[in-house]
Amino acid sequence: MTRARFVDVIPGHGEAFKGKERMASGLHGQQVPEADAARRIDMTAHKTHFQTIAGPGVNVPAVSPLYDAIERRADQ
């Protein structure tokens, strides 16, 4: 299965944003495990558009595909 790589997130509501992959890439480079990276990724700058963002942290399933994509690019 091929996964698309998205640079911008254009949600159904709110403004487009970037950042989660950039943060994940930096944490991956520091060899931070996925679960720890998920706790540290901070999307609170987008809280005004996504009221469900209560503080830093994203779901681990959101980080796993990012880490997979980073590792595939490193292998190329």
PDB file of N, CA and C in Angstrom:
ATOM      1  N   MET A   1       0.842  -1.178   0.000  1.00  0.00           N
ATOM      2  CA  MET A   1       0.000   0.000   0.000  1.00  0.00           C
ATOM      3  C   MET A   1       0.886   1.239   0.000  1.00  0.00           C
ATOM      4  N   THR A   2       0.568   2.174  -0.850  1.00  0.00           N
ATOM      5  CA  THR A   2       1.302   3.422  -0.925  1.00  0.00           C
ATOM      6  C   THR A   2       0.547   4.481  -0.135  1.00  0.00           C
ATOM      7  N   ARG A   3       1.274   5.190   0.706  1.00  0.00           N
ATOM      8  CA  ARG A   3       0.669   6.275   1.483  1.00  0.00           C
ATOM      9  C   ARG A   3       1.097   7.603   0.905  1.00  0.00           C
ATOM     10  N   ALA A   4       0.167   8.514   0.799  1.00  0.00           N
ATOM     11  CA  ALA A   4       0.476   9.848   0.312  1.00  0.00           C
ATOM     12  C   ALA A   4       1.158  10.638   1.417  1.00  0.00           C
ATOM     13  N   ARG A   5       2.057  11.509   1.036  1.00  0.00           N
ATOM     14  CA  ARG A   5       2.731  12.381   1.999  1.00  0.00           C
ATOM     15  C   ARG A   5       2.094  13.757   1.891  1.00  0.00           C
ATOM     16  N   PHE A   6       1.595  14.249   2.994  1.00  0.00           N
ATOM     17  CA  PHE A   6       0.948  15.550   3.011  1.00  0.00           C
ATOM     18  C   PHE A   6       1.839  16.556   3.718  1.00  0.00           C
ATOM     19  N   VAL A   7       2.019  17.699   3.093  1.00  0.00           N
ATOM     20  CA  VAL A   7       2.788  18.784   3.697  1.00  0.00           C
ATOM     21  C   VAL A   7       1.851  19.698   4.458  1.00  0.00           C
ATOM     22  N   ASP A   8       0.720  20.009   3.856  1.00  0.00           N
ATOM     23  CA  ASP A   8      -0.276  20.869   4.475  1.00  0.00           C
ATOM     24  C   ASP A   8      -1.473  20.022   4.881  1.00  0.00           C
ATOM     25  N   VAL A   9      -2.065  20.350   5.999  1.00  0.00           N
ATOM     26  CA  VAL A   9      -3.313  19.727   6.428  1.00  0.00           C
ATOM     27  C   VAL A   9      -4.403  20.739   6.166  1.00  0.00           C
ATOM     28  N   ILE A  10      -5.391  20.359   5.361  1.00  0.00           N
ATOM     29  CA  ILE A  10      -6.496  21.253   5.043  1.00  0.00           C
ATOM     30  C   ILE A  10      -7.759  20.591   5.577  1.00  0.00           C
ATOM     31  N   PRO A  11      -8.106  20.906   6.808  1.00  0.00           N
ATOM     32  CA  PRO A  11      -9.261  20.259   7.434  1.00  0.00           C
ATOM     33  C   PRO A  11     -10.582  20.802   6.894  1.00  0.00           C
ATOM     34  N   GLY A  12     -11.644  20.120   7.201  1.00  0.00           N
ATOM     35  CA  GLY A  12     -12.969  20.575   6.793  1.00  0.00           C
ATOM     36  C   GLY A  12     -13.371  21.874   7.472  1.00  0.00           C
ATOM     37  N   HIS A  13     -12.813  22.143   8.630  1.00  0.00           N
ATOM     38  CA  HIS A  13     -13.091  23.376   9.382  1.00  0.00           C
ATOM     39  C   HIS A  13     -11.761  23.947   9.840  1.00  0.00           C
ATOM     40  N   GLY A  14     -11.645  25.239   9.845  1.00  0.00           N
ATOM     41  CA  GLY A  14     -10.413  25.878  10.301  1.00  0.00           C
ATOM     42  C   GLY A  14      -9.419  26.061   9.171  1.00  0.00           C
ATOM     43  N   GLU A  15      -8.294  26.637   9.503  1.00  0.00           N
ATOM     44  CA  GLU A  15      -7.279  26.957   8.512  1.00  0.00           C
ATOM     45  C   GLU A  15      -6.347  25.778   8.280  1.00  0.00           C
ATOM     46  N   ALA A  16      -5.720  25.772   7.116  1.00  0.00           N
ATOM     47  CA  ALA A  16      -4.699  24.768   6.813  1.00  0.00           C
ATOM     48  C   ALA A  16      -3.520  24.961   7.758  1.00  0.00           C
ATOM     49  N   PHE A  17      -2.817  23.871   8.065  1.00  0.00           N
ATOM     50  CA  PHE A  17      -1.658  23.991   8.934  1.00  0.00           C
ATOM     51  C   PHE A  17      -0.609  22.959   8.599  1.00  0.00           C
ATOM     52  N   LYS A  18       0.606  23.204   9.090  1.00  0.00           N
ATOM     53  CA  LYS A  18       1.743  22.304   8.959  1.00  0.00           C
ATOM     54  C   LYS A  18       2.280  22.086  10.361  1.00  0.00           C
ATOM     55  N   GLY A  19       3.204  21.188  10.495  1.00  0.00           N
ATOM     56  CA  GLY A  19       3.892  21.128  11.771  1.00  0.00           C
ATOM     57  C   GLY A  19       4.073  19.759  12.356  1.00  0.00           C
ATOM     58  N   LYS A  20       3.058  18.910  12.312  1.00  0.00           N
ATOM     59  CA  LYS A  20       3.165  17.629  12.999  1.00  0.00           C
ATOM     60  C   LYS A  20       4.316  16.803  12.419  1.00  0.00           C
ATOM     61  N   GLU A  21       4.426  16.762  11.089  1.00  0.00           N
ATOM     62  CA  GLU A  21       5.519  15.978  10.501  1.00  0.00           C
ATOM     63  C   GLU A  21       6.867  16.593  10.815  1.00  0.00           C
ATOM     64  N   ARG A  22       6.954  17.917  10.791  1.00  0.00           N
ATOM     65  CA  ARG A  22       8.225  18.577  11.109  1.00  0.00           C
ATOM     66  C   ARG A  22       8.653  18.247  12.545  1.00  0.00           C
ATOM     67  N   MET A  23       7.700  18.305  13.461  1.00  0.00           N
ATOM     68  CA  MET A  23       8.007  17.966  14.858  1.00  0.00           C
ATOM     69  C   MET A  23       8.394  16.501  14.982  1.00  0.00           C
ATOM     70  N   ALA A  24       7.643  15.633  14.305  1.00  0.00           N
ATOM     71  CA  ALA A  24       7.935  14.204  14.369  1.00  0.00           C
ATOM     72  C   ALA A  24       9.313  13.921  13.784  1.00  0.00           C
ATOM     73  N   SER A  25       9.668  14.611  12.722  1.00  0.00           N
ATOM     74  CA  SER A  25      10.967  14.414  12.096  1.00  0.00           C
ATOM     75  C   SER A  25      12.102  14.778  13.059  1.00  0.00           C
ATOM     76  N   GLY A  26      11.951  15.884  13.753  1.00  0.00           N
ATOM     77  CA  GLY A  26      12.973  16.289  14.725  1.00  0.00           C
ATOM     78  C   GLY A  26      13.096  15.292  15.865  1.00  0.00           C
ATOM     79  N   LEU A  27      11.963  14.813  16.356  1.00  0.00           N
ATOM     80  CA  LEU A  27      11.986  13.837  17.455  1.00  0.00           C
ATOM     81  C   LEU A  27      12.536  12.501  16.976  1.00  0.00           C
ATOM     82  N   HIS A  28      12.214  12.110  15.749  1.00  0.00           N
ATOM     83  CA  HIS A  28      12.754  10.871  15.184  1.00  0.00           C
ATOM     84  C   HIS A  28      14.277  10.968  15.098  1.00  0.00           C
ATOM     85  N   GLY A  29      14.762  12.126  14.650  1.00  0.00           N
ATOM     86  CA  GLY A  29      16.208  12.341  14.550  1.00  0.00           C
ATOM     87  C   GLY A  29      16.909  12.266  15.899  1.00  0.00           C
ATOM     88  N   GLN A  30      16.180  12.564  16.963  1.00  0.00           N
ATOM     89  CA  GLN A  30      16.734  12.461  18.320  1.00  0.00           C
ATOM     90  C   GLN A  30      16.514  11.067  18.896  1.00  0.00           C
ATOM     91  N   GLN A  31      15.975  10.156  18.078  1.00  0.00           N
ATOM     92  CA  GLN A  31      15.693   8.772  18.467  1.00  0.00           C
ATOM     93  C   GLN A  31      14.695   8.668  19.619  1.00  0.00           C
ATOM     94  N   VAL A  32      13.736   9.587  19.632  1.00  0.00           N
ATOM     95  CA  VAL A  32      12.672   9.557  20.627  1.00  0.00           C
ATOM     96  C   VAL A  32      11.661   8.496  20.191  1.00  0.00           C
ATOM     97  N   PRO A  33      11.322   7.527  21.039  1.00  0.00           N
ATOM     98  CA  PRO A  33      10.337   6.512  20.672  1.00  0.00           C
ATOM     99  C   PRO A  33       8.992   7.135  20.294  1.00  0.00           C
ATOM    100  N   GLU A  34       8.230   6.433  19.439  1.00  0.00           N
ATOM    101  CA  GLU A  34       6.956   6.956  18.943  1.00  0.00           C
ATOM    102  C   GLU A  34       6.020   7.407  20.066  1.00  0.00           C
ATOM    103  N   ALA A  35       5.868   6.590  21.087  1.00  0.00           N
ATOM    104  CA  ALA A  35       4.934   6.923  22.177  1.00  0.00           C
ATOM    105  C   ALA A  35       5.360   8.207  22.881  1.00  0.00           C
ATOM    106  N   ASP A  36       6.656   8.379  23.091  1.00  0.00           N
ATOM    107  CA  ASP A  36       7.146   9.607  23.728  1.00  0.00           C
ATOM    108  C   ASP A  36       6.982  10.802  22.795  1.00  0.00           C
ATOM    109  N   ALA A  37       7.230  10.586  21.505  1.00  0.00           N
ATOM    110  CA  ALA A  37       7.056  11.664  20.526  1.00  0.00           C
ATOM    111  C   ALA A  37       5.595  12.107  20.505  1.00  0.00           C
ATOM    112  N   ALA A  38       4.676  11.143  20.543  1.00  0.00           N
ATOM    113  CA  ALA A  38       3.246  11.473  20.527  1.00  0.00           C
ATOM    114  C   ALA A  38       2.884  12.359  21.712  1.00  0.00           C
ATOM    115  N   ARG A  39       3.484  12.113  22.855  1.00  0.00           N
ATOM    116  CA  ARG A  39       3.198  12.949  24.042  1.00  0.00           C
ATOM    117  C   ARG A  39       3.804  14.344  23.906  1.00  0.00           C
ATOM    118  N   ARG A  40       4.883  14.472  23.136  1.00  0.00           N
ATOM    119  CA  ARG A  40       5.608  15.744  23.063  1.00  0.00           C
ATOM    120  C   ARG A  40       5.183  16.647  21.903  1.00  0.00           C
ATOM    121  N   ILE A  41       4.561  16.090  20.870  1.00  0.00           N
ATOM    122  CA  ILE A  41       4.159  16.918  19.732  1.00  0.00           C
ATOM    123  C   ILE A  41       3.093  17.901  20.206  1.00  0.00           C
ATOM    124  N   ASP A  42       3.349  19.161  19.939  1.00  0.00           N
ATOM    125  CA  ASP A  42       2.495  20.233  20.464  1.00  0.00           C
ATOM    126  C   ASP A  42       1.770  20.945  19.322  1.00  0.00           C
ATOM    127  N   MET A  43       0.496  20.685  19.214  1.00  0.00           N
ATOM    128  CA  MET A  43      -0.328  21.313  18.182  1.00  0.00           C
ATOM    129  C   MET A  43      -1.218  22.407  18.777  1.00  0.00           C
ATOM    130  N   THR A  44      -0.904  22.875  19.980  1.00  0.00           N
ATOM    131  CA  THR A  44      -1.763  23.852  20.654  1.00  0.00           C
ATOM    132  C   THR A  44      -1.860  25.182  19.910  1.00  0.00           C
ATOM    133  N   ALA A  45      -0.937  25.458  19.000  1.00  0.00           N
ATOM    134  CA  ALA A  45      -1.038  26.688  18.209  1.00  0.00           C
ATOM    135  C   ALA A  45      -2.287  26.677  17.334  1.00  0.00           C
ATOM    136  N   HIS A  46      -2.865  25.494  17.119  1.00  0.00           N
ATOM    137  CA  HIS A  46      -4.051  25.353  16.284  1.00  0.00           C
ATOM    138  C   HIS A  46      -5.335  25.190  17.103  1.00  0.00           C
ATOM    139  N   LYS A  47      -5.221  25.403  18.397  1.00  0.00           N
ATOM    140  CA  LYS A  47      -6.358  25.197  19.300  1.00  0.00           C
ATOM    141  C   LYS A  47      -7.550  26.090  18.977  1.00  0.00           C
ATOM    142  N   THR A  48      -7.311  27.272  18.474  1.00  0.00           N
ATOM    143  CA  THR A  48      -8.434  28.157  18.174  1.00  0.00           C
ATOM    144  C   THR A  48      -9.346  27.570  17.105  1.00  0.00           C
ATOM    145  N   HIS A  49      -8.809  26.715  16.252  1.00  0.00           N
ATOM    146  CA  HIS A  49      -9.595  26.097  15.192  1.00  0.00           C
ATOM    147  C   HIS A  49     -10.025  24.676  15.532  1.00  0.00           C
ATOM    148  N   PHE A  50      -9.368  24.070  16.510  1.00  0.00           N
ATOM    149  CA  PHE A  50      -9.660  22.691  16.896  1.00  0.00           C
ATOM    150  C   PHE A  50      -9.788  22.637  18.407  1.00  0.00           C
ATOM    151  N   GLN A  51     -10.993  22.857  18.905  1.00  0.00           N
ATOM    152  CA  GLN A  51     -11.223  22.959  20.339  1.00  0.00           C
ATOM    153  C   GLN A  51     -10.890  21.667  21.085  1.00  0.00           C
ATOM    154  N   THR A  52     -10.758  20.553  20.395  1.00  0.00           N
ATOM    155  CA  THR A  52     -10.424  19.301  21.073  1.00  0.00           C
ATOM    156  C   THR A  52      -8.958  19.248  21.494  1.00  0.00           C
ATOM    157  N   ILE A  53      -8.145  20.171  21.002  1.00  0.00           N
ATOM    158  CA  ILE A  53      -6.741  20.216  21.411  1.00  0.00           C
ATOM    159  C   ILE A  53      -6.695  20.879  22.783  1.00  0.00           C
ATOM    160  N   ALA A  54      -6.396  20.093  23.799  1.00  0.00           N
ATOM    161  CA  ALA A  54      -6.376  20.605  25.165  1.00  0.00           C
ATOM    162  C   ALA A  54      -4.960  20.934  25.631  1.00  0.00           C
ATOM    163  N   GLY A  55      -3.967  20.349  24.993  1.00  0.00           N
ATOM    164  CA  GLY A  55      -2.575  20.553  25.377  1.00  0.00           C
ATOM    165  C   GLY A  55      -1.685  19.759  24.456  1.00  0.00           C
ATOM    166  N   PRO A  56      -0.392  19.761  24.742  1.00  0.00           N
ATOM    167  CA  PRO A  56       0.529  18.984  23.912  1.00  0.00           C
ATOM    168  C   PRO A  56       0.145  17.507  23.906  1.00  0.00           C
ATOM    169  N   GLY A  57       0.459  16.857  22.805  1.00  0.00           N
ATOM    170  CA  GLY A  57       0.232  15.428  22.679  1.00  0.00           C
ATOM    171  C   GLY A  57      -0.730  15.099  21.558  1.00  0.00           C
ATOM    172  N   VAL A  58      -0.404  14.041  20.833  1.00  0.00           N
ATOM    173  CA  VAL A  58      -1.260  13.504  19.774  1.00  0.00           C
ATOM    174  C   VAL A  58      -1.346  12.001  19.978  1.00  0.00           C
ATOM    175  N   ASN A  59      -2.249  11.364  19.267  1.00  0.00           N
ATOM    176  CA  ASN A  59      -2.382   9.913  19.373  1.00  0.00           C
ATOM    177  C   ASN A  59      -1.175   9.222  18.755  1.00  0.00           C
ATOM    178  N   VAL A  60      -0.730   8.139  19.375  1.00  0.00           N
ATOM    179  CA  VAL A  60       0.388   7.361  18.829  1.00  0.00           C
ATOM    180  C   VAL A  60       0.088   6.924  17.394  1.00  0.00           C
ATOM    181  N   PRO A  61      -1.148   6.479  17.068  1.00  0.00           N
ATOM    182  CA  PRO A  61      -1.409   6.104  15.674  1.00  0.00           C
ATOM    183  C   PRO A  61      -1.194   7.247  14.678  1.00  0.00           C
ATOM    184  N   ALA A  62      -1.188   8.475  15.139  1.00  0.00           N
ATOM    185  CA  ALA A  62      -0.906   9.604  14.247  1.00  0.00           C
ATOM    186  C   ALA A  62       0.594   9.753  14.003  1.00  0.00           C
ATOM    187  N   VAL A  63       1.415   9.260  14.904  1.00  0.00           N
ATOM    188  CA  VAL A  63       2.866   9.390  14.793  1.00  0.00           C
ATOM    189  C   VAL A  63       3.469   8.218  14.012  1.00  0.00           C
ATOM    190  N   SER A  64       2.915   7.048  14.162  1.00  0.00           N
ATOM    191  CA  SER A  64       3.478   5.859  13.509  1.00  0.00           C
ATOM    192  C   SER A  64       3.651   6.031  12.003  1.00  0.00           C
ATOM    193  N   PRO A  65       2.627   6.517  11.256  1.00  0.00           N
ATOM    194  CA  PRO A  65       2.840   6.680   9.817  1.00  0.00           C
ATOM    195  C   PRO A  65       3.885   7.738   9.485  1.00  0.00           C
ATOM    196  N   LEU A  66       3.999   8.758  10.338  1.00  0.00           N
ATOM    197  CA  LEU A  66       5.020   9.783  10.112  1.00  0.00           C
ATOM    198  C   LEU A  66       6.409   9.186  10.279  1.00  0.00           C
ATOM    199  N   TYR A  67       6.609   8.409  11.337  1.00  0.00           N
ATOM    200  CA  TYR A  67       7.894   7.756  11.557  1.00  0.00           C
ATOM    201  C   TYR A  67       8.201   6.787  10.411  1.00  0.00           C
ATOM    202  N   ASP A  68       7.185   6.056   9.939  1.00  0.00           N
ATOM    203  CA  ASP A  68       7.383   5.133   8.810  1.00  0.00           C
ATOM    204  C   ASP A  68       7.840   5.897   7.571  1.00  0.00           C
ATOM    205  N   ALA A  69       7.201   7.033   7.290  1.00  0.00           N
ATOM    206  CA  ALA A  69       7.568   7.826   6.108  1.00  0.00           C
ATOM    207  C   ALA A  69       8.986   8.377   6.242  1.00  0.00           C
ATOM    208  N   ILE A  70       9.353   8.816   7.433  1.00  0.00           N
ATOM    209  CA  ILE A  70      10.709   9.347   7.665  1.00  0.00           C
ATOM    210  C   ILE A  70      11.735   8.244   7.424  1.00  0.00           C
ATOM    211  N   GLU A  71      11.446   7.051   7.916  1.00  0.00           N
ATOM    212  CA  GLU A  71      12.385   5.941   7.743  1.00  0.00           C
ATOM    213  C   GLU A  71      12.478   5.503   6.289  1.00  0.00           C
ATOM    214  N   ARG A  72      11.366   5.528   5.550  1.00  0.00           N
ATOM    215  CA  ARG A  72      11.408   5.181   4.112  1.00  0.00           C
ATOM    216  C   ARG A  72      12.252   6.181   3.338  1.00  0.00           C
ATOM    217  N   ARG A  73      12.118   7.469   3.661  1.00  0.00           N
ATOM    218  CA  ARG A  73      12.929   8.489   2.976  1.00  0.00           C
ATOM    219  C   ARG A  73      14.409   8.293   3.290  1.00  0.00           C
ATOM    220  N   ALA A  74      14.715   7.904   4.527  1.00  0.00           N
ATOM    221  CA  ALA A  74      16.118   7.689   4.906  1.00  0.00           C
ATOM    222  C   ALA A  74      16.715   6.498   4.170  1.00  0.00           C
ATOM    223  N   ASP A  75      15.880   5.514   3.845  1.00  0.00           N
ATOM    224  CA  ASP A  75      16.351   4.319   3.141  1.00  0.00           C
ATOM    225  C   ASP A  75      16.589   4.558   1.664  1.00  0.00           C
ATOM    226  N   GLN A  76      16.060   5.639   1.122  1.00  0.00           N
ATOM    227  CA  GLN A  76      16.184   5.890  -0.324  1.00  0.00           C
ATOM    228  C   GLN A  76      17.506   6.500  -0.681  1.00  0.00           C
TER     229      GLN A  76
END
